Amino acid sequence: MVRPGVSELKIQAIKSYGGSVAVAPDGVSPSAHLQELMAKDPHGFDINQFADTQKVLDYFDADAEKTMNMAAEVTRQLEREAYPCPDWWVLGAGSGGTATSIARYL
């Protein structure tokens, strides 16, 4: 479910991976439209990525291996690469979670 005005490129990317996209009609909230669609489809699933607001804050531990956030995971993966310390981070905006996590981590 996406709101009206979402980039056609984003919609096409979802479809290219086999997903389907429903656009909420103008004047109808995406969440209300999603509930209508899910009532009709017993196989529908709402990942509801914004439901756990307490997880907005990243978890940091004194032991870097126990820190749980996107930036820590990316950093751990980079440590195994030939160039583990990037000069730049280039991020696209979606929900902003990745960019926020990396900014807080750095």
Protein backbone atom coordinates (compact mmCIF):
# COMPACT_ATOMS: atom_id res chain seq x y z
CA MET A 1 0.00 0.00 0.00
CA VAL A 2 1.38 3.35 -0.98
CA ARG A 3 0.04 6.85 -0.77
CA PRO A 4 -0.83 8.76 -3.94
CA GLY A 5 2.20 10.48 -5.42
CA VAL A 6 4.77 7.79 -4.62
CA SER A 7 7.48 7.70 -7.29
CA GLU A 8 6.70 5.49 -10.27
CA LEU A 9 10.31 4.28 -10.09
CA LYS A 10 9.72 3.00 -6.55
CA ILE A 11 6.52 1.25 -7.64
CA GLN A 12 8.30 -0.35 -10.60
CA ALA A 13 11.13 -1.53 -8.33
CA ILE A 14 8.63 -3.26 -6.05
CA LYS A 15 6.96 -4.91 -9.03
CA SER A 16 10.32 -5.99 -10.49
CA TYR A 17 10.85 -8.11 -7.36
CA GLY A 18 7.46 -9.74 -7.76
CA GLY A 19 5.52 -7.47 -5.44
CA SER A 20 2.19 -5.92 -6.10
CA VAL A 21 1.34 -2.32 -5.31
CA ALA A 22 -1.97 -0.79 -4.33
CA VAL A 23 -2.32 2.98 -4.34
CA ALA A 24 -4.75 4.51 -1.88
CA PRO A 25 -7.43 6.56 -3.65
CA ASP A 26 -7.26 10.33 -3.21
CA GLY A 27 -8.93 11.34 0.03
CA VAL A 28 -8.60 7.88 1.61
CA SER A 29 -5.87 7.23 4.13
CA PRO A 30 -3.45 4.48 3.07
CA SER A 31 -3.99 2.63 6.36
CA ALA A 32 -7.79 2.68 5.96
CA HIS A 33 -7.52 1.47 2.37
CA LEU A 34 -5.10 -1.25 3.42
CA GLN A 35 -7.57 -2.50 6.04
CA GLU A 36 -10.28 -2.65 3.35
CA LEU A 37 -8.04 -4.68 1.04
CA MET A 38 -6.87 -7.03 3.79
CA ALA A 39 -10.49 -7.74 4.78
CA LYS A 40 -10.96 -9.11 1.25
CA ASP A 41 -7.68 -11.09 1.03
CA PRO A 42 -7.00 -13.81 3.59
CA HIS A 43 -3.36 -13.97 2.42
CA GLY A 44 -2.70 -10.26 2.93
CA PHE A 45 -0.05 -9.20 5.44
CA ASP A 46 0.74 -5.81 6.91
CA ILE A 47 4.40 -5.49 7.91
CA ASN A 48 3.52 -2.26 9.72
CA GLN A 49 7.08 -0.98 9.85
CA PHE A 50 6.10 2.05 11.93
CA ALA A 51 4.28 0.19 14.74
CA ASP A 52 7.24 -0.30 17.08
CA THR A 53 8.04 3.31 17.84
CA GLN A 54 10.16 2.32 20.83
CA LYS A 55 12.64 0.87 18.33
CA VAL A 56 13.24 4.28 16.77
CA LEU A 57 16.19 4.78 19.10
CA ASP A 58 19.17 2.64 18.22
CA TYR A 59 20.54 0.25 20.81
CA PHE A 60 24.19 0.83 21.70
CA ASP A 61 26.24 -1.48 23.89
CA ALA A 62 29.79 -1.04 25.19
CA ASP A 63 30.56 -4.24 23.27
CA ALA A 64 30.35 -3.22 19.60
CA GLU A 65 29.37 -6.77 18.62
CA LYS A 66 26.19 -6.43 20.70
CA THR A 67 25.12 -3.07 19.29
CA MET A 68 21.97 -3.60 17.24
CA ASN A 69 21.24 -1.07 14.53
CA MET A 70 21.61 -0.73 10.79
CA ALA A 71 24.86 1.23 10.96
CA ALA A 72 26.54 -1.27 13.27
CA GLU A 73 25.57 -4.12 10.94
CA VAL A 74 26.89 -2.28 7.87
CA THR A 75 30.11 -1.40 9.72
CA ARG A 76 30.65 -5.01 10.77
CA GLN A 77 30.23 -6.08 7.14
CA LEU A 78 32.61 -3.38 5.91
CA GLU A 79 35.30 -4.61 8.32
CA ARG A 80 35.57 -7.73 6.14
CA GLU A 81 36.16 -5.71 2.96
CA ALA A 82 39.42 -4.53 1.36
CA TYR A 83 38.51 -0.89 2.15
CA PRO A 84 36.72 -1.04 5.50
CA CYS A 85 36.51 2.71 6.11
CA PRO A 86 34.47 4.52 3.45
CA ASP A 87 35.26 8.11 2.57
CA TRP A 88 31.57 8.75 1.84
CA TRP A 89 28.14 7.42 2.76
CA VAL A 90 25.52 7.88 0.05
CA LEU A 91 21.96 7.18 1.15
CA GLY A 92 18.58 7.40 -0.52
CA ALA A 93 15.59 8.56 1.47
CA GLY A 94 12.75 6.19 2.15
CA SER A 95 11.60 6.10 5.75
CA GLY A 96 14.95 7.65 6.75
CA GLY A 97 15.78 4.81 9.15
CA THR A 98 19.08 3.85 7.55
CA ALA A 99 20.29 7.45 7.27
CA THR A 100 19.30 8.18 10.86
CA SER A 101 20.98 5.06 12.17
CA ILE A 102 24.23 5.78 10.34
CA ALA A 103 24.24 9.44 11.40
CA ARG A 104 23.73 8.51 15.06
CA TYR A 105 26.36 5.79 14.87
CA LEU A 106 28.97 8.06 13.29
